[in-house]
Amino acid sequence: MSLLDFARGPAFHVAILIFVFGVVWRLVGVFLLRRNRDLSPARAGHLLEGGMRAILMRSLPPHELEKHIVFQHASGYGWHIAYFAAFLLFGPHMPFIRQFLGFTWPTLPNTWCLALAAIALALLIVLLLRRIVNPVLKRITSVDDYISSVVTMLPLITGIAANAHVQLFGVRYEELLALHVLSVCALLIWFPFGKLMHLFLAFPARFQAGVLLQRKGVEA
């Protein structure tokens, strides 16, 4: 069995199983958390409205802090959009997507997707370096942040190299493609157990906070 066969076969299947099990385990754990019963009457109705408003408002920087975090906010949205666009709109990814969903959609030209991948990678590197050199960010950064940054960047690095047919240290295209798939496996395996899980938890958490605040008569 070649490295590429191993990456596409056993490694990827195991990574998917760990990803699915881990995500379900985390979500079930969150929904089963014991919550104290609120004995006070609700001071405001329309709890759903409060939850949806919190999702919207907490996705934007607070007005008081906006001028201080504009780069962090803009670069965060920038790399997320570029990252997912490069993955979901890249033609060579369509067979993989069809395998799981059974259908595909129109794609962007490969050069556009590679440019988006390069933008996402550049922003991730800048944000990682900023964590390292900024005294405040360095203090609040955990090992989880570094691991999550690295496993997020690896698919971009290996994907760009493989698509460009670049030989790194004598590594052939097939081996680069295998490394690309293995980097995706690493991302899937780490995803449920690190901060990347915020992809599934961020909006529910904001919604819940909005509902609780609305119940107390406070706007999120």
N, C-alpha and C. Protein backbone atom coordinates (compact mmCIF):
# COMPACT_ATOMS: atom_id res chain seq x y z
N MET A 1 0.84 -1.19 0.00
CA MET A 1 0.00 0.00 0.00
C MET A 1 0.88 1.25 0.00
N SER A 2 0.63 2.13 -0.96
CA SER A 2 1.40 3.37 -1.03
C SER A 2 0.93 4.35 0.04
N LEU A 3 1.73 5.41 0.24
CA LEU A 3 1.35 6.42 1.22
C LEU A 3 0.04 7.10 0.83
N LEU A 4 -0.15 7.32 -0.47
CA LEU A 4 -1.37 7.96 -0.93
C LEU A 4 -2.58 7.06 -0.69
N ASP A 5 -2.44 5.75 -0.96
CA ASP A 5 -3.53 4.81 -0.70
C ASP A 5 -3.87 4.77 0.79
N PHE A 6 -2.84 4.80 1.63
CA PHE A 6 -3.07 4.80 3.07
C PHE A 6 -3.79 6.07 3.50
N ALA A 7 -3.37 7.22 2.95
CA ALA A 7 -3.99 8.50 3.33
C ALA A 7 -5.44 8.54 2.90
N ARG A 8 -5.72 8.13 1.66
CA ARG A 8 -7.08 8.16 1.15
C ARG A 8 -7.97 7.10 1.77
N GLY A 9 -7.37 6.02 2.22
CA GLY A 9 -8.14 4.90 2.75
C GLY A 9 -8.24 4.88 4.26
N PRO A 10 -7.44 4.03 4.92
CA PRO A 10 -7.55 3.86 6.38
C PRO A 10 -7.41 5.16 7.17
N ALA A 11 -6.43 5.98 6.83
CA ALA A 11 -6.20 7.20 7.61
C ALA A 11 -7.41 8.13 7.54
N PHE A 12 -7.94 8.33 6.35
CA PHE A 12 -9.07 9.25 6.19
C PHE A 12 -10.33 8.70 6.86
N HIS A 13 -10.56 7.40 6.73
CA HIS A 13 -11.75 6.80 7.35
C HIS A 13 -11.69 6.90 8.87
N VAL A 14 -10.53 6.64 9.44
CA VAL A 14 -10.36 6.76 10.89
C VAL A 14 -10.55 8.21 11.32
N ALA A 15 -9.99 9.16 10.56
CA ALA A 15 -10.12 10.57 10.89
C ALA A 15 -11.59 11.00 10.88
N ILE A 16 -12.35 10.55 9.88
CA ILE A 16 -13.77 10.88 9.80
C ILE A 16 -14.53 10.32 11.00
N LEU A 17 -14.23 9.08 11.38
CA LEU A 17 -14.90 8.47 12.53
C LEU A 17 -14.61 9.25 13.81
N ILE A 18 -13.34 9.62 14.00
CA ILE A 18 -12.98 10.38 15.20
C ILE A 18 -13.65 11.75 15.17
N PHE A 19 -13.67 12.39 14.01
CA PHE A 19 -14.31 13.70 13.87
C PHE A 19 -15.79 13.63 14.23
N VAL A 20 -16.50 12.69 13.63
CA VAL A 20 -17.94 12.57 13.87
C VAL A 20 -18.22 12.23 15.33
N PHE A 21 -17.50 11.23 15.86
CA PHE A 21 -17.70 10.84 17.24
C PHE A 21 -17.39 12.00 18.18
N GLY A 22 -16.27 12.69 17.93
CA GLY A 22 -15.87 13.79 18.80
C GLY A 22 -16.86 14.93 18.78
N VAL A 23 -17.34 15.31 17.60
CA VAL A 23 -18.30 16.42 17.48
C VAL A 23 -19.60 16.06 18.19
N VAL A 24 -20.11 14.85 17.93
CA VAL A 24 -21.36 14.41 18.58
C VAL A 24 -21.19 14.37 20.09
N TRP A 25 -20.05 13.84 20.54
CA TRP A 25 -19.77 13.75 21.98
C TRP A 25 -19.76 15.13 22.63
N ARG A 26 -19.10 16.10 21.98
CA ARG A 26 -19.03 17.45 22.53
C ARG A 26 -20.42 18.10 22.54
N LEU A 27 -21.18 17.95 21.45
CA LEU A 27 -22.50 18.56 21.38
C LEU A 27 -23.46 17.96 22.39
N VAL A 28 -23.44 16.63 22.51
CA VAL A 28 -24.30 15.97 23.49
C VAL A 28 -23.93 16.42 24.90
N GLY A 29 -22.62 16.52 25.16
CA GLY A 29 -22.17 16.97 26.47
C GLY A 29 -22.66 18.37 26.79
N VAL A 30 -22.65 19.26 25.80
CA VAL A 30 -23.12 20.63 26.02
C VAL A 30 -24.61 20.65 26.32
N PHE A 31 -25.40 19.89 25.55
CA PHE A 31 -26.84 19.92 25.73
C PHE A 31 -27.29 19.20 27.00
N LEU A 32 -26.44 18.33 27.53
CA LEU A 32 -26.79 17.61 28.76
C LEU A 32 -26.26 18.30 30.01
N LEU A 33 -25.57 19.43 29.84
CA LEU A 33 -25.09 20.16 31.01
C LEU A 33 -26.25 20.54 31.93
N ARG A 34 -26.05 20.34 33.21
CA ARG A 34 -27.10 20.68 34.17
C ARG A 34 -27.23 22.19 34.28
N ARG A 35 -28.42 22.68 34.17
CA ARG A 35 -28.68 24.11 34.26
C ARG A 35 -29.57 24.39 35.46
N ASN A 36 -29.21 25.39 36.20
CA ASN A 36 -30.03 25.78 37.34
C ASN A 36 -31.36 26.35 36.88
N ARG A 37 -32.40 25.98 37.56
CA ARG A 37 -33.73 26.47 37.20
C ARG A 37 -33.85 27.93 37.57
N ASP A 38 -34.32 28.72 36.62
CA ASP A 38 -34.51 30.15 36.87
C ASP A 38 -35.87 30.35 37.51
N LEU A 39 -35.87 30.72 38.80
CA LEU A 39 -37.11 30.87 39.55
C LEU A 39 -37.76 32.24 39.40
N SER A 40 -37.04 33.19 38.86
CA SER A 40 -37.59 34.53 38.70
C SER A 40 -38.41 34.61 37.41
N PRO A 41 -39.46 35.41 37.39
CA PRO A 41 -40.25 35.56 36.17
C PRO A 41 -39.47 36.31 35.10
N ALA A 42 -39.75 35.98 33.87
CA ALA A 42 -39.07 36.66 32.76
C ALA A 42 -39.48 38.13 32.72
N ARG A 43 -38.52 39.02 32.59
CA ARG A 43 -38.80 40.45 32.56
C ARG A 43 -39.10 40.95 31.15
N ALA A 44 -38.87 40.09 30.17
CA ALA A 44 -39.16 40.47 28.78
C ALA A 44 -39.49 39.21 28.00
N GLY A 45 -40.37 39.36 27.05
CA GLY A 45 -40.73 38.23 26.20
C GLY A 45 -39.85 38.16 24.97
N HIS A 46 -40.32 37.44 23.97
CA HIS A 46 -39.61 37.32 22.70
C HIS A 46 -38.17 36.83 22.92
N LEU A 47 -38.03 35.70 23.62
CA LEU A 47 -36.70 35.17 23.91
C LEU A 47 -35.96 34.80 22.63
N LEU A 48 -36.71 34.30 21.64
CA LEU A 48 -36.08 33.95 20.36
C LEU A 48 -35.45 35.18 19.71
N GLU A 49 -36.17 36.29 19.79
CA GLU A 49 -35.64 37.55 19.23
C GLU A 49 -34.35 37.95 19.92
N GLY A 50 -34.31 37.78 21.26
CA GLY A 50 -33.11 38.12 22.00
C GLY A 50 -31.94 37.24 21.60
N GLY A 51 -32.20 35.95 21.38
CA GLY A 51 -31.12 35.05 20.96
C GLY A 51 -30.58 35.39 19.59
N MET A 52 -31.47 35.68 18.65
CA MET A 52 -31.03 36.02 17.29
C MET A 52 -30.29 37.37 17.28
N ARG A 53 -30.74 38.31 18.10
CA ARG A 53 -30.04 39.60 18.16
C ARG A 53 -28.64 39.43 18.71
N ALA A 54 -28.49 38.54 19.70
CA ALA A 54 -27.16 38.30 20.27
C ALA A 54 -26.21 37.71 19.23
N ILE A 55 -26.72 36.80 18.40
CA ILE A 55 -25.88 36.21 17.35
C ILE A 55 -25.37 37.31 16.42
N LEU A 56 -26.25 38.24 16.06
CA LEU A 56 -25.87 39.32 15.15
C LEU A 56 -24.92 40.31 15.83
N MET A 57 -25.30 40.78 17.01
CA MET A 57 -24.53 41.84 17.66
C MET A 57 -23.17 41.34 18.14
N ARG A 58 -23.09 40.10 18.58
CA ARG A 58 -21.82 39.59 19.08
C ARG A 58 -20.93 39.07 17.95
N SER A 59 -21.42 39.15 16.74
CA SER A 59 -20.58 38.87 15.58
C SER A 59 -19.90 40.13 15.08
N LEU A 60 -20.24 41.26 15.69
CA LEU A 60 -19.63 42.54 15.36
C LEU A 60 -18.84 43.04 16.56
N PRO A 61 -17.76 43.79 16.33
CA PRO A 61 -16.98 44.29 17.47
C PRO A 61 -17.77 45.33 18.25
N PRO A 62 -17.68 45.34 19.59
CA PRO A 62 -18.35 46.37 20.37
C PRO A 62 -17.88 47.76 19.95
N HIS A 63 -18.79 48.69 19.92
CA HIS A 63 -18.46 50.04 19.46
C HIS A 63 -17.30 50.65 20.25
N GLU A 64 -17.28 50.36 21.57
CA GLU A 64 -16.25 50.94 22.41
C GLU A 64 -14.86 50.38 22.10
N LEU A 65 -14.81 49.18 21.56
CA LEU A 65 -13.52 48.52 21.30
C LEU A 65 -13.16 48.48 19.82
N GLU A 66 -14.07 48.92 18.97
CA GLU A 66 -13.92 48.73 17.53
C GLU A 66 -12.59 49.24 16.99
N LYS A 67 -12.19 50.43 17.38
CA LYS A 67 -10.97 51.01 16.82
C LYS A 67 -9.71 50.28 17.28
N HIS A 68 -9.82 49.52 18.38
CA HIS A 68 -8.65 48.82 18.91
C HIS A 68 -8.51 47.40 18.35
N ILE A 69 -9.60 46.84 17.84
CA ILE A 69 -9.55 45.45 17.38
C ILE A 69 -9.95 45.30 15.92
N VAL A 70 -9.90 46.41 15.18
CA VAL A 70 -10.36 46.36 13.80
C VAL A 70 -9.54 45.37 12.96
N PHE A 71 -8.21 45.33 13.16
CA PHE A 71 -7.38 44.39 12.40
C PHE A 71 -7.72 42.95 12.76
N GLN A 72 -7.81 42.67 14.05
CA GLN A 72 -8.13 41.31 14.50
C GLN A 72 -9.47 40.87 13.95
N HIS A 73 -10.44 41.76 13.97
CA HIS A 73 -11.79 41.42 13.51
C HIS A 73 -11.81 41.20 12.00
N ALA A 74 -11.24 42.14 11.26
CA ALA A 74 -11.26 42.04 9.79
C ALA A 74 -10.45 40.85 9.30
N SER A 75 -9.27 40.63 9.88
CA SER A 75 -8.43 39.51 9.45
C SER A 75 -9.07 38.17 9.81
N GLY A 76 -9.77 38.13 10.96
CA GLY A 76 -10.46 36.90 11.35
C GLY A 76 -11.53 36.52 10.35
N TYR A 77 -12.38 37.48 10.00
CA TYR A 77 -13.40 37.21 8.98
C TYR A 77 -12.75 36.91 7.63
N GLY A 78 -11.66 37.62 7.32
CA GLY A 78 -11.01 37.44 6.02
C GLY A 78 -10.49 36.03 5.82
N TRP A 79 -9.76 35.49 6.80
CA TRP A 79 -9.19 34.16 6.58
C TRP A 79 -10.27 33.08 6.62
N HIS A 80 -11.31 33.27 7.42
CA HIS A 80 -12.40 32.28 7.45
C HIS A 80 -13.08 32.21 6.08
N ILE A 81 -13.41 33.38 5.53
CA ILE A 81 -14.10 33.41 4.24
C ILE A 81 -13.21 32.82 3.14
N ALA A 82 -11.94 33.25 3.10
CA ALA A 82 -11.02 32.75 2.08
C ALA A 82 -10.79 31.24 2.22
N TYR A 83 -10.67 30.77 3.45
CA TYR A 83 -10.41 29.35 3.72
C TYR A 83 -11.56 28.48 3.20
N PHE A 84 -12.78 28.83 3.60
CA PHE A 84 -13.92 28.00 3.21
C PHE A 84 -14.22 28.13 1.72
N ALA A 85 -14.00 29.31 1.14
CA ALA A 85 -14.21 29.47 -0.29
C ALA A 85 -13.22 28.61 -1.07
N ALA A 86 -11.96 28.59 -0.63
CA ALA A 86 -10.94 27.78 -1.31
C ALA A 86 -11.28 26.30 -1.23
N PHE A 87 -11.86 25.88 -0.12
CA PHE A 87 -12.21 24.46 0.03
C PHE A 87 -13.48 24.11 -0.75
N LEU A 88 -14.52 24.92 -0.61
CA LEU A 88 -15.83 24.57 -1.17
C LEU A 88 -15.97 24.89 -2.65
N LEU A 89 -15.12 25.76 -3.20
CA LEU A 89 -15.28 26.17 -4.59
C LEU A 89 -14.11 25.75 -5.47
N PHE A 90 -13.26 24.86 -4.97
CA PHE A 90 -12.09 24.39 -5.72
C PHE A 90 -12.49 23.14 -6.49
N GLY A 91 -12.32 23.18 -7.83
CA GLY A 91 -12.76 22.09 -8.68
C GLY A 91 -12.26 20.71 -8.27
N PRO A 92 -10.96 20.53 -8.02
CA PRO A 92 -10.46 19.21 -7.63
C PRO A 92 -11.05 18.65 -6.34
N HIS A 93 -11.70 19.50 -5.53
CA HIS A 93 -12.33 19.01 -4.30
C HIS A 93 -13.71 18.43 -4.56
N MET A 94 -14.28 18.65 -5.74
CA MET A 94 -15.64 18.23 -5.99
C MET A 94 -15.86 16.72 -5.91
N PRO A 95 -14.94 15.88 -6.41
CA PRO A 95 -15.15 14.42 -6.23
C PRO A 95 -15.25 14.03 -4.76
N PHE A 96 -14.45 14.67 -3.92
CA PHE A 96 -14.51 14.40 -2.49
C PHE A 96 -15.86 14.82 -1.92
N ILE A 97 -16.36 16.00 -2.32
CA ILE A 97 -17.65 16.48 -1.83
C ILE A 97 -18.78 15.61 -2.33
N ARG A 98 -18.71 15.19 -3.61
CA ARG A 98 -19.75 14.33 -4.18
C ARG A 98 -19.81 12.99 -3.45
N GLN A 99 -18.65 12.51 -3.01
CA GLN A 99 -18.59 11.23 -2.30
C GLN A 99 -19.42 11.27 -1.01
N PHE A 100 -19.49 12.42 -0.35
CA PHE A 100 -20.20 12.52 0.91
C PHE A 100 -21.62 13.06 0.76
N LEU A 101 -21.80 14.02 -0.15
CA LEU A 101 -23.10 14.67 -0.27
C LEU A 101 -23.93 14.13 -1.43
N GLY A 102 -23.27 13.54 -2.41
CA GLY A 102 -24.00 13.02 -3.56
C GLY A 102 -24.29 14.05 -4.63
N PHE A 103 -23.84 15.29 -4.43
CA PHE A 103 -24.04 16.33 -5.44
C PHE A 103 -22.92 17.35 -5.29
N THR A 104 -22.81 18.21 -6.30
CA THR A 104 -21.78 19.26 -6.28
C THR A 104 -22.42 20.58 -6.71
N TRP A 105 -21.62 21.59 -6.89
CA TRP A 105 -22.10 22.92 -7.28
C TRP A 105 -21.02 23.59 -8.14
N PRO A 106 -21.34 24.71 -8.77
CA PRO A 106 -20.35 25.40 -9.61
C PRO A 106 -19.11 25.79 -8.80
N THR A 107 -17.99 25.81 -9.48
CA THR A 107 -16.72 26.13 -8.81
C THR A 107 -16.09 27.39 -9.40
N LEU A 108 -15.10 27.90 -8.72
CA LEU A 108 -14.32 29.02 -9.22
C LEU A 108 -13.12 28.50 -10.01
N PRO A 109 -12.52 29.32 -10.85
CA PRO A 109 -11.28 28.90 -11.51
C PRO A 109 -10.22 28.51 -10.47
N ASN A 110 -9.42 27.52 -10.82
CA ASN A 110 -8.42 27.02 -9.88
C ASN A 110 -7.47 28.12 -9.39
N THR A 111 -7.09 29.02 -10.30
CA THR A 111 -6.17 30.09 -9.90
C THR A 111 -6.79 31.00 -8.84
N TRP A 112 -8.10 31.24 -8.95
CA TRP A 112 -8.78 32.06 -7.94
C TRP A 112 -8.75 31.38 -6.58
N CYS A 113 -9.04 30.07 -6.59
CA CYS A 113 -9.07 29.33 -5.33
C CYS A 113 -7.67 29.26 -4.71
N LEU A 114 -6.65 29.11 -5.55
CA LEU A 114 -5.29 29.11 -5.02
C LEU A 114 -4.93 30.46 -4.43
N ALA A 115 -5.41 31.52 -5.07
CA ALA A 115 -5.17 32.86 -4.53
C ALA A 115 -5.87 33.04 -3.18
N LEU A 116 -7.10 32.53 -3.07
CA LEU A 116 -7.83 32.59 -1.81
C LEU A 116 -7.11 31.78 -0.73
N ALA A 117 -6.59 30.61 -1.12
CA ALA A 117 -5.84 29.78 -0.16
C ALA A 117 -4.59 30.51 0.31
N ALA A 118 -3.92 31.18 -0.62
CA ALA A 118 -2.72 31.93 -0.25
C ALA A 118 -3.06 33.09 0.69
N ILE A 119 -4.19 33.77 0.43
CA ILE A 119 -4.62 34.86 1.31
C ILE A 119 -4.93 34.33 2.71
N ALA A 120 -5.66 33.22 2.76
CA ALA A 120 -5.98 32.62 4.06
C ALA A 120 -4.72 32.22 4.81
N LEU A 121 -3.77 31.63 4.10
CA LEU A 121 -2.51 31.21 4.73
C LEU A 121 -1.72 32.41 5.24
N ALA A 122 -1.65 33.46 4.43
CA ALA A 122 -0.90 34.65 4.83
C ALA A 122 -1.52 35.28 6.08
N LEU A 123 -2.85 35.37 6.12
CA LEU A 123 -3.52 35.95 7.29
C LEU A 123 -3.31 35.09 8.53
N LEU A 124 -3.36 33.77 8.37
CA LEU A 124 -3.14 32.88 9.50
C LEU A 124 -1.72 33.02 10.05
N ILE A 125 -0.75 33.15 9.16
CA ILE A 125 0.64 33.31 9.60
C ILE A 125 0.80 34.64 10.34
N VAL A 126 0.21 35.71 9.81
CA VAL A 126 0.30 37.02 10.46
C VAL A 126 -0.34 36.97 11.85
N LEU A 127 -1.51 36.34 11.94
CA LEU A 127 -2.20 36.26 13.23
C LEU A 127 -1.41 35.41 14.23
N LEU A 128 -0.78 34.35 13.72
CA LEU A 128 0.04 33.51 14.61
C LEU A 128 1.25 34.29 15.11
N LEU A 129 1.94 35.00 14.22
CA LEU A 129 3.09 35.81 14.63
C LEU A 129 2.66 36.90 15.60
N ARG A 130 1.48 37.45 15.38
CA ARG A 130 0.97 38.48 16.29
C ARG A 130 0.75 37.91 17.68
N ARG A 131 0.28 36.69 17.75
CA ARG A 131 0.12 36.04 19.05
C ARG A 131 1.45 35.88 19.76
N ILE A 132 2.49 35.61 18.98
CA ILE A 132 3.81 35.34 19.56
C ILE A 132 4.48 36.61 20.06
N VAL A 133 4.32 37.72 19.33
CA VAL A 133 5.06 38.94 19.66
C VAL A 133 4.27 39.92 20.53
N ASN A 134 2.94 39.84 20.48
CA ASN A 134 2.13 40.76 21.29
C ASN A 134 2.10 40.27 22.73
N PRO A 135 2.56 41.07 23.70
CA PRO A 135 2.65 40.61 25.09
C PRO A 135 1.31 40.15 25.67
N VAL A 136 0.24 40.87 25.37
CA VAL A 136 -1.07 40.51 25.92
C VAL A 136 -1.58 39.22 25.29
N LEU A 137 -1.52 39.14 23.96
CA LEU A 137 -1.98 37.93 23.28
C LEU A 137 -1.14 36.72 23.67
N LYS A 138 0.16 36.93 23.83
CA LYS A 138 1.05 35.83 24.21
C LYS A 138 0.67 35.26 25.57
N ARG A 139 0.26 36.14 26.47
CA ARG A 139 -0.08 35.70 27.82
C ARG A 139 -1.37 34.88 27.83
N ILE A 140 -2.32 35.21 26.98
CA ILE A 140 -3.61 34.51 27.00
C ILE A 140 -3.66 33.37 25.97
N THR A 141 -2.58 33.15 25.24
CA THR A 141 -2.53 32.08 24.24
C THR A 141 -2.12 30.77 24.90
N SER A 142 -2.85 29.72 24.58
CA SER A 142 -2.58 28.39 25.13
C SER A 142 -1.97 27.50 24.05
N VAL A 143 -1.55 26.31 24.47
CA VAL A 143 -1.03 25.32 23.52
C VAL A 143 -2.09 24.99 22.47
N ASP A 144 -3.34 24.95 22.90
CA ASP A 144 -4.45 24.68 22.00
C ASP A 144 -4.46 25.66 20.83
N ASP A 145 -4.22 26.94 21.12
CA ASP A 145 -4.21 27.96 20.06
C ASP A 145 -3.12 27.67 19.03
N TYR A 146 -1.94 27.30 19.49
CA TYR A 146 -0.84 27.02 18.57
C TYR A 146 -1.12 25.77 17.73
N ILE A 147 -1.59 24.71 18.38
CA ILE A 147 -1.88 23.48 17.64
C ILE A 147 -2.99 23.72 16.63
N SER A 148 -4.04 24.43 17.04
CA SER A 148 -5.15 24.71 16.13
C SER A 148 -4.69 25.53 14.94
N SER A 149 -3.80 26.49 15.18
CA SER A 149 -3.27 27.30 14.07
C SER A 149 -2.48 26.45 13.09
N VAL A 150 -1.63 25.57 13.61
CA VAL A 150 -0.78 24.76 12.75
C VAL A 150 -1.59 23.76 11.93
N VAL A 151 -2.53 23.04 12.58
CA VAL A 151 -3.30 22.04 11.83
C VAL A 151 -4.25 22.70 10.84
N THR A 152 -4.59 23.96 11.06
CA THR A 152 -5.41 24.69 10.10
C THR A 152 -4.58 25.13 8.89
N MET A 153 -3.32 25.48 9.12
CA MET A 153 -2.47 25.94 8.03
C MET A 153 -1.93 24.80 7.16
N LEU A 154 -1.70 23.65 7.75
CA LEU A 154 -1.06 22.55 7.00
C LEU A 154 -1.81 22.16 5.73
N PRO A 155 -3.15 22.02 5.74
CA PRO A 155 -3.84 21.69 4.49
C PRO A 155 -3.63 22.76 3.41
N LEU A 156 -3.51 24.02 3.81
CA LEU A 156 -3.27 25.08 2.83
C LEU A 156 -1.86 24.95 2.24
N ILE A 157 -0.88 24.74 3.10
CA ILE A 157 0.50 24.64 2.63
C ILE A 157 0.67 23.45 1.70
N THR A 158 0.21 22.28 2.13
CA THR A 158 0.38 21.07 1.31
C THR A 158 -0.50 21.12 0.06
N GLY A 159 -1.67 21.72 0.18
CA GLY A 159 -2.56 21.82 -0.99
C GLY A 159 -1.99 22.72 -2.06
N ILE A 160 -1.46 23.87 -1.66
CA ILE A 160 -0.85 24.79 -2.64
C ILE A 160 0.36 24.14 -3.29
N ALA A 161 1.18 23.47 -2.48
CA ALA A 161 2.38 22.82 -3.02
C ALA A 161 2.01 21.70 -3.99
N ALA A 162 1.01 20.89 -3.62
CA ALA A 162 0.61 19.78 -4.47
C ALA A 162 0.01 20.28 -5.78
N ASN A 163 -0.83 21.31 -5.71
CA ASN A 163 -1.46 21.83 -6.92
C ASN A 163 -0.44 22.45 -7.85
N ALA A 164 0.58 23.06 -7.28
CA ALA A 164 1.62 23.68 -8.10
C ALA A 164 2.65 22.66 -8.58
N HIS A 165 2.48 21.39 -8.16
CA HIS A 165 3.42 20.33 -8.52
C HIS A 165 4.85 20.69 -8.11
N VAL A 166 4.94 21.37 -6.97
CA VAL A 166 6.25 21.75 -6.46
C VAL A 166 6.89 20.57 -5.74
N GLN A 167 8.15 20.29 -6.02
CA GLN A 167 8.87 19.23 -5.33
C GLN A 167 9.60 19.83 -4.13
N LEU A 168 9.13 19.49 -2.94
CA LEU A 168 9.75 19.98 -1.73
C LEU A 168 10.68 18.91 -1.17
N PHE A 169 11.97 19.23 -1.11
CA PHE A 169 12.97 18.31 -0.58
C PHE A 169 12.90 16.95 -1.29
N GLY A 170 12.65 17.00 -2.60
CA GLY A 170 12.63 15.77 -3.38
C GLY A 170 11.34 14.98 -3.27
N VAL A 171 10.30 15.51 -2.62
CA VAL A 171 9.02 14.81 -2.47
C VAL A 171 8.24 14.91 -3.77
N ARG A 172 7.78 13.77 -4.31
CA ARG A 172 7.05 13.75 -5.57
C ARG A 172 5.61 14.22 -5.37
N TYR A 173 4.93 14.46 -6.50
CA TYR A 173 3.56 14.97 -6.46
C TYR A 173 2.64 14.03 -5.69
N GLU A 174 2.73 12.73 -5.96
CA GLU A 174 1.86 11.77 -5.29
C GLU A 174 2.07 11.81 -3.78
N GLU A 175 3.31 11.99 -3.37
CA GLU A 175 3.59 12.06 -1.93
C GLU A 175 3.09 13.37 -1.33
N LEU A 176 3.21 14.45 -2.10
CA LEU A 176 2.66 15.72 -1.63
C LEU A 176 1.15 15.64 -1.48
N LEU A 177 0.50 14.99 -2.44
CA LEU A 177 -0.95 14.81 -2.36
C LEU A 177 -1.31 13.97 -1.14
N ALA A 178 -0.51 12.94 -0.87
CA ALA A 178 -0.75 12.12 0.32
C ALA A 178 -0.58 12.96 1.59
N LEU A 179 0.43 13.81 1.62
CA LEU A 179 0.64 14.68 2.78
C LEU A 179 -0.51 15.66 2.94
N HIS A 180 -1.06 16.11 1.81
CA HIS A 180 -2.21 17.01 1.87
C HIS A 180 -3.41 16.31 2.52
N VAL A 181 -3.67 15.09 2.09
CA VAL A 181 -4.79 14.32 2.67
C VAL A 181 -4.53 14.04 4.15
N LEU A 182 -3.29 13.69 4.48
CA LEU A 182 -2.96 13.41 5.88
C LEU A 182 -3.08 14.67 6.74
N SER A 183 -2.77 15.82 6.17
CA SER A 183 -2.93 17.07 6.93
C SER A 183 -4.40 17.35 7.20
N VAL A 184 -5.25 17.01 6.24
CA VAL A 184 -6.70 17.13 6.46
C VAL A 184 -7.14 16.16 7.55
N CYS A 185 -6.57 14.95 7.54
CA CYS A 185 -6.88 13.98 8.60
C CYS A 185 -6.51 14.52 9.97
N ALA A 186 -5.33 15.14 10.06
CA ALA A 186 -4.90 15.73 11.34
C ALA A 186 -5.87 16.82 11.78
N LEU A 187 -6.33 17.63 10.84
CA LEU A 187 -7.29 18.69 11.15
C LEU A 187 -8.59 18.09 11.67
N LEU A 188 -9.08 17.04 11.03
CA LEU A 188 -10.33 16.40 11.44
C LEU A 188 -10.20 15.78 12.82
N ILE A 189 -9.07 15.15 13.08
CA ILE A 189 -8.88 14.48 14.37
C ILE A 189 -8.80 15.49 15.51
N TRP A 190 -8.10 16.60 15.28
CA TRP A 190 -7.94 17.60 16.34
C TRP A 190 -9.19 18.43 16.55
N PHE A 191 -9.99 18.58 15.49
CA PHE A 191 -11.12 19.51 15.47
C PHE A 191 -12.03 19.40 16.70
N PRO A 192 -12.54 18.23 17.07
CA PRO A 192 -13.52 18.19 18.16
C PRO A 192 -12.92 18.47 19.53
N PHE A 193 -11.60 18.36 19.66
CA PHE A 193 -10.98 18.42 20.98
C PHE A 193 -10.25 19.73 21.26
N GLY A 194 -10.25 20.63 20.28
CA GLY A 194 -9.59 21.91 20.45
C GLY A 194 -10.55 23.06 20.22
N LYS A 195 -10.00 24.24 20.09
CA LYS A 195 -10.82 25.45 19.94
C LYS A 195 -11.47 25.55 18.57
N LEU A 196 -11.07 24.69 17.64
CA LEU A 196 -11.73 24.69 16.34
C LEU A 196 -13.20 24.31 16.45
N MET A 197 -13.54 23.68 17.56
CA MET A 197 -14.94 23.27 17.79
C MET A 197 -15.87 24.47 17.87
N HIS A 198 -15.30 25.67 17.96
CA HIS A 198 -16.15 26.87 18.00
C HIS A 198 -16.99 27.01 16.73
N LEU A 199 -16.60 26.31 15.67
CA LEU A 199 -17.41 26.34 14.45
C LEU A 199 -18.83 25.87 14.72
N PHE A 200 -18.97 24.90 15.63
CA PHE A 200 -20.29 24.37 15.97
C PHE A 200 -20.87 25.01 17.23
N LEU A 201 -20.02 25.58 18.07
CA LEU A 201 -20.49 26.05 19.37
C LEU A 201 -20.70 27.56 19.46
N ALA A 202 -20.06 28.32 18.59
CA ALA A 202 -20.08 29.78 18.73
C ALA A 202 -21.50 30.35 18.65
N PHE A 203 -22.24 30.04 17.59
CA PHE A 203 -23.57 30.60 17.43
C PHE A 203 -24.57 30.10 18.47
N PRO A 204 -24.58 28.79 18.81
CA PRO A 204 -25.47 28.36 19.90
C PRO A 204 -25.16 29.06 21.22
N ALA A 205 -23.86 29.27 21.52
CA ALA A 205 -23.49 29.94 22.77
C ALA A 205 -23.99 31.38 22.77
N ARG A 206 -23.84 32.08 21.64
CA ARG A 206 -24.31 33.46 21.56
C ARG A 206 -25.83 33.51 21.66
N PHE A 207 -26.49 32.54 21.04
CA PHE A 207 -27.96 32.50 21.11
C PHE A 207 -28.42 32.30 22.54
N GLN A 208 -27.79 31.37 23.25
CA GLN A 208 -28.16 31.10 24.63
C GLN A 208 -27.93 32.33 25.52
N ALA A 209 -26.79 33.00 25.31
CA ALA A 209 -26.51 34.20 26.09
C ALA A 209 -27.57 35.26 25.82
N GLY A 210 -27.99 35.40 24.57
CA GLY A 210 -29.01 36.38 24.23
C GLY A 210 -30.34 36.07 24.86
N VAL A 211 -30.69 34.78 24.89
CA VAL A 211 -31.95 34.37 25.52
C VAL A 211 -31.93 34.68 27.01
N LEU A 212 -30.84 34.37 27.68
CA LEU A 212 -30.74 34.62 29.12
C LEU A 212 -30.80 36.11 29.44
N LEU A 213 -30.12 36.91 28.63
CA LEU A 213 -30.15 38.35 28.86
C LEU A 213 -31.54 38.93 28.56
N GLN A 214 -32.17 38.42 27.52
CA GLN A 214 -33.51 38.89 27.18
C GLN A 214 -34.48 38.57 28.31
N ARG A 215 -34.33 37.41 28.89
CA ARG A 215 -35.19 37.03 30.01
C ARG A 215 -35.05 37.98 31.19
N LYS A 216 -33.82 38.50 31.36
CA LYS A 216 -33.57 39.43 32.45
C LYS A 216 -33.90 40.87 32.08
N GLY A 217 -34.36 41.07 30.84
CA GLY A 217 -34.71 42.41 30.40
C GLY A 217 -33.54 43.24 29.94
N VAL A 218 -32.44 42.55 29.57
CA VAL A 218 -31.22 43.25 29.11
C VAL A 218 -30.98 42.90 27.66
N GLU A 219 -30.70 43.86 26.82
CA GLU A 219 -30.40 43.59 25.42
C GLU A 219 -28.95 43.14 25.28
N ALA A 220 -28.74 42.09 24.47
CA ALA A 220 -27.39 41.56 24.26
C ALA A 220 -26.59 42.54 23.43
